[in-house]
């Protein structure tokens, strides 16, 4: 990249794909291409078997016993929207409360913001503390008898903070027993062991392209009793049981939420990604990322001009580091690193409320995955040193220093 060996550190945005995933999708297109659930001919049966086998693999991977609680969607964003449209619009009305954190991705913020505006609900936003963790006192205070839905990230896409989602779900169910809990797991499932059945939430969402799979395939898990009671999100073919001139009835789970031809190749690719990660062992994936993150934090901490956001404890964060280099704009940092073949993300990271909360407009972000190495971290650090030299920064010229998230903005 730009004449340099690529160092890809934008994994929180999307991951690279192993050969096994590409080959699994190619095999489907070349040898088994047909529509699913609609034919009794051999190709259709084979395609259907591969799609449903992928669903079972995904269920097993995240600790879900009933594979029919796994709904294939395009991405985590669509999964959250499905919950908002099919459950939220029927169950959340004027005066009801929706509780979420200031650190949510736009996909888990704007959806509920708009629902509150449309239905007259009250949006209650909980701050995070100096480590980017949810302020538990404020969280508990926000929960009342009027609370209908509570949502929070499993791992922050900006701060890397790992929430104790089991504990948070338990708090919600004790203090607001009428509330439904939705967990955004887009940054968790690719990077650590996740057992949804043990969390105690009601809905959990994640996406394929961040976990070695293709784009255009995501997952909504929901408790069967909720999914059974919810109306379909989309109408049309595949999601019906019977259609007459006057009315229609809906298919069984999960297919009543999968209208039209699904992303068959995408689901098969996701299944192959699950196989790949299972063979590695998610405990090993987590250990590797913690080691890289700890090393990167230590090396970045030696550069006085670098401001790091979030916890400095690698055990409390995922493989994501958001930072700024003195007064240099994050886009300039990313541009200089790109000239060295190093790919990072810069901007507000689809988390503008959090940026405002932190008192910044943007940040640079390096994020790690299974194929990254300490040698690549060294190249990343050398790239930051180049930024410092290009802009002739001297830490004594301004008061910025490595810091953590400040909750009292």
Protein backbone atom coordinates (compact mmCIF):
# COMPACT_ATOMS: atom_id res chain seq x y z
CA UNK A 1 0.00 0.00 0.00
CA UNK A 2 1.68 3.19 -1.21
CA UNK A 3 4.75 1.10 -1.86
CA UNK A 4 4.86 -0.24 1.72
CA UNK A 5 3.74 -3.55 3.23
CA UNK A 6 0.14 -3.14 4.38
CA UNK A 7 -0.46 -2.88 8.12
CA UNK A 8 -4.24 -3.19 8.46
CA UNK A 9 -5.44 -1.71 11.76
CA UNK A 10 -9.05 -0.87 10.87
CA UNK A 11 -10.62 -4.11 12.05
CA UNK A 12 -13.32 -2.42 14.13
CA UNK A 13 -14.72 -1.17 10.81
CA UNK A 14 -14.40 -4.46 8.94
CA UNK A 15 -12.12 -7.49 8.93
CA UNK A 16 -10.16 -9.14 6.16
CA UNK A 17 -11.44 -12.51 4.93
CA UNK A 18 -9.55 -15.81 5.10
CA UNK A 19 -9.30 -18.08 2.05
CA UNK A 20 -11.69 -20.59 3.64
CA UNK A 21 -14.51 -18.04 3.67
CA UNK A 22 -13.95 -17.03 0.05
CA UNK A 23 -13.77 -20.65 -1.06
CA UNK A 24 -16.97 -21.61 0.78
CA UNK A 25 -18.89 -18.83 -0.98
CA UNK A 26 -17.31 -19.65 -4.34
CA UNK A 27 -18.23 -23.33 -3.89
CA UNK A 28 -21.88 -22.37 -3.36
CA UNK A 29 -21.98 -20.12 -6.42
CA UNK A 30 -20.23 -22.66 -8.65
CA UNK A 31 -21.78 -25.94 -7.50
CA UNK A 32 -24.96 -25.36 -5.47
CA UNK A 33 -26.47 -22.08 -6.67
CA UNK A 34 -30.26 -22.14 -6.32
CA UNK A 35 -32.94 -20.45 -4.27
CA UNK A 36 -33.69 -21.85 -0.84
CA UNK A 37 -36.80 -23.28 0.82
CA UNK A 38 -38.72 -23.17 -2.47
CA UNK A 39 -37.81 -26.20 -4.52
CA UNK A 40 -37.57 -29.95 -4.18
CA UNK A 41 -34.89 -30.28 -6.87
CA UNK A 42 -31.38 -31.22 -5.79
CA UNK A 43 -29.73 -27.81 -6.09
CA UNK A 44 -32.44 -26.12 -4.02
CA UNK A 45 -32.21 -28.79 -1.35
CA UNK A 46 -28.41 -28.44 -1.22
CA UNK A 47 -28.57 -24.65 -0.98
CA UNK A 48 -31.19 -24.86 1.77
CA UNK A 49 -29.12 -27.35 3.73
CA UNK A 50 -26.06 -25.11 3.55
CA UNK A 51 -28.00 -22.02 4.64
CA UNK A 52 -29.60 -23.77 7.61
CA UNK A 53 -26.31 -25.45 8.52
CA UNK A 54 -24.76 -21.97 8.73
CA UNK A 55 -27.59 -20.86 11.04
CA UNK A 56 -26.89 -23.80 13.35
CA UNK A 57 -23.15 -23.02 13.35
CA UNK A 58 -23.86 -19.41 14.32
CA UNK A 59 -26.22 -20.49 17.10
CA UNK A 60 -23.66 -22.88 18.56
CA UNK A 61 -20.91 -20.26 18.26
CA UNK A 62 -22.75 -17.76 20.48
CA UNK A 63 -24.24 -20.27 22.91
CA UNK A 64 -27.82 -20.31 21.63
CA UNK A 65 -29.60 -23.65 22.02
CA UNK A 66 -32.51 -22.92 19.66
CA UNK A 67 -31.22 -22.10 16.16
CA UNK A 68 -34.67 -20.81 15.21
CA UNK A 69 -34.01 -17.81 17.45
CA UNK A 70 -31.25 -16.79 15.00
CA UNK A 71 -32.57 -14.40 12.33
CA UNK A 72 -30.36 -13.54 9.38
CA UNK A 73 -30.37 -9.84 8.44
CA UNK A 74 -28.00 -7.58 6.49
CA UNK A 75 -26.05 -6.25 9.48
CA UNK A 76 -26.33 -5.26 13.13
CA UNK A 77 -27.94 -1.97 12.11
CA UNK A 78 -30.80 -3.76 10.39
CA UNK A 79 -31.18 -6.09 13.38
CA UNK A 80 -31.66 -3.13 15.73
CA UNK A 81 -34.10 -1.52 13.32
CA UNK A 82 -36.06 -4.78 13.17
CA UNK A 83 -36.47 -4.74 16.94
CA UNK A 84 -37.49 -1.06 16.88
CA UNK A 85 -40.10 -1.53 14.15
CA UNK A 86 -41.52 -4.92 15.10
CA UNK A 87 -41.35 -4.67 18.89
CA UNK A 88 -40.72 -1.03 19.76
CA UNK A 89 -43.47 0.63 17.77
CA UNK A 90 -46.08 -1.65 19.31
CA UNK A 91 -44.83 -1.56 22.89
CA UNK A 92 -43.29 1.86 23.46
CA UNK A 93 -45.63 4.83 23.65
CA UNK A 94 -45.95 8.33 25.05
CA UNK A 95 -44.27 8.70 28.42
CA UNK A 96 -42.48 5.35 28.25
CA UNK A 97 -38.74 5.47 28.82
CA UNK A 98 -35.84 4.23 26.68
CA UNK A 99 -32.48 4.03 28.47
CA UNK A 100 -29.17 3.93 26.60
CA UNK A 101 -25.61 5.19 27.00
CA UNK A 102 -23.84 8.20 25.54
CA UNK A 103 -21.22 5.86 24.06
CA UNK A 104 -23.53 3.94 21.71
CA UNK A 105 -22.80 3.58 18.01
CA UNK A 106 -25.21 5.62 15.89
CA UNK A 107 -26.90 2.36 14.89
CA UNK A 108 -27.93 1.88 18.51
CA UNK A 109 -28.59 5.55 19.20
CA UNK A 110 -30.39 7.13 16.24
CA UNK A 111 -32.88 4.25 15.98
CA UNK A 112 -34.15 4.79 19.52
CA UNK A 113 -33.89 8.56 19.29
CA UNK A 114 -36.23 8.53 16.29
CA UNK A 115 -38.62 6.07 17.90
CA UNK A 116 -38.84 8.32 20.97
CA UNK A 117 -39.56 11.34 18.76
CA UNK A 118 -42.26 9.48 16.82
CA UNK A 119 -44.02 7.84 19.76
CA UNK A 120 -43.53 10.47 22.44
CA UNK A 121 -41.25 8.31 24.55
CA UNK A 122 -38.55 9.70 26.84
CA UNK A 123 -34.92 9.06 25.90
CA UNK A 124 -32.67 8.78 28.97
CA UNK A 125 -28.94 8.90 28.25
CA UNK A 126 -26.49 7.45 30.78
CA UNK A 127 -22.89 8.80 30.97
CA UNK A 128 -19.73 6.73 31.16
CA UNK A 129 -17.00 7.03 33.78
CA UNK A 130 -13.29 7.77 33.53
CA UNK A 131 -12.61 4.32 32.03
CA UNK A 132 -15.43 4.51 29.53
CA UNK A 133 -17.53 2.15 31.64
CA UNK A 134 -21.20 2.82 32.28
CA UNK A 135 -21.79 5.00 35.33
CA UNK A 136 -23.65 2.41 37.41
CA UNK A 137 -25.16 4.91 39.80
CA UNK A 138 -26.60 6.94 36.92
CA UNK A 139 -27.65 3.71 35.17
CA UNK A 140 -29.60 2.46 38.18
CA UNK A 141 -31.15 5.89 38.74
CA UNK A 142 -32.36 5.99 35.13
CA UNK A 143 -34.35 2.77 35.55
CA UNK A 144 -37.94 3.29 36.67
CA UNK A 145 -41.35 1.68 36.39
CA UNK A 146 -41.78 3.56 33.11
CA UNK A 147 -38.68 2.02 31.53
CA UNK A 148 -39.68 -0.11 28.54
CA UNK A 149 -36.36 -0.70 26.78
CA UNK A 150 -32.72 -0.59 27.86
CA UNK A 151 -29.85 -0.97 25.42
CA UNK A 152 -26.06 -0.88 25.70
CA UNK A 153 -22.94 -2.01 23.86
CA UNK A 154 -21.07 -5.15 24.78
CA UNK A 155 -17.78 -3.63 23.58
CA UNK A 156 -17.42 0.04 22.61
CA UNK A 157 -16.32 0.64 19.02
CA UNK A 158 -14.46 3.79 20.15
CA UNK A 159 -13.19 3.26 23.69
CA UNK A 160 -12.90 -0.52 23.54
CA UNK A 161 -14.66 -0.73 26.90
CA UNK A 162 -15.98 -4.21 27.70
CA UNK A 163 -19.28 -4.01 29.55
CA UNK A 164 -20.33 -6.65 32.07
CA UNK A 165 -23.52 -7.27 30.10
CA UNK A 166 -24.65 -10.09 32.39
CA UNK A 167 -24.52 -7.78 35.40
CA UNK A 168 -26.20 -4.92 33.55
CA UNK A 169 -29.02 -7.17 32.31
CA UNK A 170 -29.60 -8.41 35.84
CA UNK A 171 -29.82 -4.85 37.16
CA UNK A 172 -32.41 -3.97 34.51
CA UNK A 173 -34.59 -6.99 35.20
CA UNK A 174 -34.53 -6.30 38.95
CA UNK A 175 -35.18 -2.57 38.86
CA UNK A 176 -37.34 -2.36 35.72
CA UNK A 177 -38.95 -5.79 35.26
CA UNK A 178 -41.15 -4.59 32.37
CA UNK A 179 -38.13 -3.50 30.34
CA UNK A 180 -36.64 -5.34 27.39
CA UNK A 181 -32.82 -5.51 27.15
CA UNK A 182 -31.08 -5.12 23.79
CA UNK A 183 -27.31 -5.69 23.55
CA UNK A 184 -25.16 -4.46 20.65
CA UNK A 185 -22.56 -7.19 20.24
CA UNK A 186 -21.02 -6.10 16.94
CA UNK A 187 -17.60 -5.53 18.55
CA UNK A 188 -17.80 -8.46 20.97
CA UNK A 189 -18.68 -11.61 19.03
CA UNK A 190 -15.67 -11.33 16.66
CA UNK A 191 -13.18 -10.88 19.48
CA UNK A 192 -14.07 -12.88 22.59
CA UNK A 193 -16.14 -15.85 23.78
CA UNK A 194 -19.83 -14.88 23.90
CA UNK A 195 -22.61 -17.01 25.37
CA UNK A 196 -25.88 -15.21 24.75
CA UNK A 197 -28.00 -17.62 26.78
CA UNK A 198 -26.02 -16.72 29.91
CA UNK A 199 -26.24 -12.93 29.49
CA UNK A 200 -29.90 -12.53 30.44
CA UNK A 201 -30.75 -10.08 27.65
CA UNK A 202 -33.80 -10.29 25.39
CA UNK A 203 -32.22 -9.32 22.05
CA UNK A 204 -28.60 -9.47 20.90
CA UNK A 205 -27.22 -8.28 17.56
CA UNK A 206 -23.95 -8.70 15.65
CA UNK A 207 -22.63 -8.65 12.10
CA UNK A 208 -20.63 -10.97 9.86
CA UNK A 209 -18.13 -8.67 8.20
CA UNK A 210 -16.36 -7.78 11.46
CA UNK A 211 -15.71 -11.48 12.22
CA UNK A 212 -13.98 -12.64 9.00
CA UNK A 213 -17.28 -13.06 7.16
CA UNK A 214 -18.66 -11.18 4.17
CA UNK A 215 -20.59 -7.93 4.18
CA UNK A 216 -24.37 -8.01 3.86
CA UNK A 217 -24.99 -10.67 6.49
CA UNK A 218 -25.82 -10.03 10.14
CA UNK A 219 -27.63 -11.69 13.01
CA UNK A 220 -30.48 -10.87 15.34
CA UNK A 221 -31.00 -13.18 18.27
CA UNK A 222 -34.24 -12.78 20.19
CA UNK A 223 -36.05 -14.76 22.84
CA UNK A 224 -38.58 -17.02 21.16
CA UNK A 225 -41.52 -15.57 23.11
CA UNK A 226 -40.70 -12.09 21.82
CA UNK A 227 -40.07 -13.17 18.25
CA UNK A 228 -43.28 -15.19 18.19
CA UNK A 229 -45.32 -12.19 19.34
CA UNK A 230 -43.68 -9.66 17.01
CA UNK A 231 -45.16 -8.91 13.56
CA UNK A 232 -42.86 -9.23 10.53
CA UNK A 233 -40.48 -6.41 9.68
CA UNK A 234 -40.83 -6.94 5.91
CA UNK A 235 -43.60 -8.51 3.85
CA UNK A 236 -43.47 -10.59 0.67
CA UNK A 237 -42.25 -13.99 -0.38
CA UNK A 238 -40.74 -16.60 1.91
CA UNK A 239 -42.09 -15.04 5.12
CA UNK A 240 -45.65 -16.23 4.58
CA UNK A 241 -47.51 -19.39 5.52
CA UNK A 242 -50.64 -18.76 3.46
CA UNK A 243 -51.92 -15.92 1.28
CA UNK A 244 -55.56 -15.47 0.27
CA UNK A 245 -57.35 -12.54 -1.34
CA UNK A 246 -58.40 -11.13 2.00
CA UNK A 247 -55.56 -11.92 4.39
CA UNK A 248 -52.21 -13.58 4.94
CA UNK A 249 -50.60 -15.60 7.70
CA UNK A 250 -46.92 -15.74 8.58
CA UNK A 251 -44.25 -18.39 8.40
CA UNK A 252 -42.63 -19.99 11.42
CA UNK A 253 -39.51 -18.63 13.08
CA UNK A 254 -37.06 -17.47 11.92
CA UNK A 255 -38.34 -17.26 8.37
CA UNK A 256 -41.20 -14.84 9.07
CA UNK A 257 -38.48 -12.19 9.50
CA UNK A 258 -36.53 -13.20 6.37
CA UNK A 259 -38.68 -11.92 3.52
CA UNK A 260 -37.50 -12.51 -0.04
CA UNK A 261 -34.39 -14.32 -1.18
CA UNK A 262 -31.80 -14.18 1.63
CA UNK A 263 -28.07 -13.59 1.27
CA UNK A 264 -27.41 -17.31 0.86
CA UNK A 265 -23.74 -17.02 -0.05
CA UNK A 266 -23.25 -14.51 2.75
CA UNK A 267 -24.72 -16.86 5.34
CA UNK A 268 -22.55 -19.71 4.05
CA UNK A 269 -19.51 -17.42 4.22
CA UNK A 270 -20.42 -16.48 7.80
CA UNK A 271 -20.69 -20.17 8.65
CA UNK A 272 -17.18 -20.70 7.26
CA UNK A 273 -15.92 -17.75 9.33
CA UNK A 274 -17.44 -19.35 12.42
CA UNK A 275 -15.63 -22.59 11.59
CA UNK A 276 -12.36 -20.67 11.24
CA UNK A 277 -12.75 -18.81 14.55
CA UNK A 278 -13.92 -21.95 16.35
CA UNK A 279 -10.77 -23.77 15.22
CA UNK A 280 -8.63 -20.93 16.56
CA UNK A 281 -10.56 -20.81 19.84
CA UNK A 282 -12.14 -17.56 20.92
CA UNK A 283 -10.20 -17.62 24.16
CA UNK A 284 -7.01 -17.57 22.07
CA UNK A 285 -8.37 -14.74 19.94
CA UNK A 286 -9.09 -12.69 23.05
CA UNK A 287 -5.66 -13.44 24.56
CA UNK A 288 -3.85 -12.41 21.37
CA UNK A 289 -5.73 -9.12 21.13
CA UNK A 290 -5.15 -8.32 24.80
CA UNK A 291 -1.40 -8.83 24.32
CA UNK A 292 -1.34 -6.58 21.24
CA UNK A 293 -3.47 -3.93 22.94
CA UNK A 294 -1.34 -3.92 26.09
CA UNK A 295 1.82 -3.60 23.99
CA UNK A 296 0.36 -0.81 21.85
CA UNK A 297 -0.89 1.11 24.90
CA UNK A 298 2.56 0.85 26.50
CA UNK A 299 4.34 2.09 23.37
CA UNK A 300 1.83 4.90 22.74
CA UNK A 301 2.17 5.95 26.37
CA UNK A 302 5.83 6.73 25.76
CA UNK A 303 4.88 9.48 23.29
CA UNK A 304 3.98 12.58 25.28
CA UNK A 305 1.98 14.07 22.42
CA UNK A 306 -0.50 11.16 22.32
CA UNK A 307 -3.84 11.43 24.13
CA UNK A 308 -5.44 8.01 24.70
CA UNK A 309 -9.17 7.67 25.41
CA UNK A 310 -10.56 4.92 27.62
CA UNK A 311 -9.09 2.48 30.11
CA UNK A 312 -5.37 1.71 30.09
CA UNK A 313 -6.12 -1.82 31.37
CA UNK A 314 -6.08 -4.28 28.45
CA UNK A 315 -8.26 -6.71 30.42
CA UNK A 316 -11.05 -4.13 30.54
CA UNK A 317 -11.03 -3.22 26.87
CA UNK A 318 -11.19 -4.85 23.46
CA UNK A 319 -8.55 -4.47 20.78
CA UNK A 320 -9.51 -0.87 20.02
CA UNK A 321 -7.49 2.26 20.83
CA UNK A 322 -8.89 5.72 20.12
CA UNK A 323 -6.36 8.53 20.40
CA UNK A 324 -5.28 11.93 19.20
CA UNK A 325 -1.81 13.31 18.56
CA UNK A 326 -1.63 16.74 20.19
CA UNK A 327 -3.60 19.33 18.22
CA UNK A 328 -3.20 17.42 14.91
CA UNK A 329 -6.52 16.56 13.25
CA UNK A 330 -7.26 12.83 13.22
CA UNK A 331 -7.61 12.84 9.42
CA UNK A 332 -4.06 14.21 9.10
CA UNK A 333 -2.81 11.48 11.41
CA UNK A 334 -4.55 8.83 9.31
CA UNK A 335 -3.24 10.34 6.08
CA UNK A 336 0.38 10.28 7.20
CA UNK A 337 0.01 6.71 8.48
CA UNK A 338 -1.57 5.73 5.15
CA UNK A 339 1.52 7.05 3.35
CA UNK A 340 3.45 4.48 5.41
CA UNK A 341 1.06 1.66 4.44
CA UNK A 342 -0.76 1.73 7.79
CA UNK A 343 -4.56 1.69 7.66
CA UNK A 344 -6.42 3.18 10.62
CA UNK A 345 -9.78 4.93 10.98
CA UNK A 346 -10.29 8.62 11.76
CA UNK A 347 -13.36 10.77 12.41
CA UNK A 348 -16.27 10.48 14.83
CA UNK A 349 -16.64 6.70 14.35
CA UNK A 350 -20.44 6.88 14.16
CA UNK A 351 -20.44 8.05 17.76
CA UNK A 352 -20.95 11.83 17.67
CA UNK A 353 -22.73 12.00 21.06
CA UNK A 354 -19.67 10.35 22.60
CA UNK A 355 -17.32 12.75 20.79
CA UNK A 356 -19.29 15.68 22.19
CA UNK A 357 -19.22 14.07 25.64
CA UNK A 358 -15.43 13.77 25.41
CA UNK A 359 -15.10 17.35 24.25
CA UNK A 360 -13.48 16.46 20.93
CA UNK A 361 -14.57 16.57 17.30
CA UNK A 362 -12.80 13.42 16.15
CA UNK A 363 -10.22 10.81 17.02
CA UNK A 364 -7.89 8.40 15.31
CA UNK A 365 -8.52 4.72 15.98
CA UNK A 366 -6.33 1.65 15.67
CA UNK A 367 -8.05 -1.71 16.04
CA UNK A 368 -6.48 -5.17 16.06
CA UNK A 369 -7.45 -8.68 15.03
CA UNK A 370 -6.10 -12.21 14.75
CA UNK A 371 -3.65 -11.53 11.92
CA UNK A 372 -1.96 -8.48 13.46
CA UNK A 373 1.47 -8.74 15.08
CA UNK A 374 3.71 -6.83 17.47
CA UNK A 375 5.95 -5.99 14.51
CA UNK A 376 2.97 -4.24 12.92
CA UNK A 377 2.36 -2.36 16.15
CA UNK A 378 5.98 -1.20 16.00
CA UNK A 379 5.39 0.12 12.47
CA UNK A 380 2.26 1.87 13.73
CA UNK A 381 4.25 3.52 16.53
CA UNK A 382 6.93 4.56 14.06
CA UNK A 383 4.17 6.13 12.00
CA UNK A 384 2.99 8.13 15.02
CA UNK A 385 6.56 9.30 15.57
CA UNK A 386 6.54 10.54 11.97
CA UNK A 387 3.33 12.49 12.67
CA UNK A 388 5.05 14.17 15.63
CA UNK A 389 8.06 15.07 13.47
CA UNK A 390 6.03 16.29 10.48
CA UNK A 391 4.05 18.67 12.68
CA UNK A 392 7.10 19.54 14.77
CA UNK A 393 5.21 18.88 17.99
CA UNK A 394 6.80 19.62 21.31
CA UNK A 395 4.81 18.43 24.28
CA UNK A 396 5.93 21.45 26.32
CA UNK A 397 4.06 23.72 23.89
CA UNK A 398 0.63 22.65 25.14
CA UNK A 399 -0.98 20.94 28.10
CA UNK A 400 -2.32 17.80 26.41
CA UNK A 401 -1.15 14.52 27.89
CA UNK A 402 -2.26 10.87 27.77
CA UNK A 403 -5.55 10.79 29.55
CA UNK A 404 -8.65 8.72 30.07
CA UNK A 405 -12.28 9.45 29.36
CA UNK A 406 -13.56 12.26 31.55
CA UNK A 407 -17.21 11.88 32.52
CA UNK A 408 -17.74 15.44 33.74
CA UNK A 409 -17.73 17.20 30.37
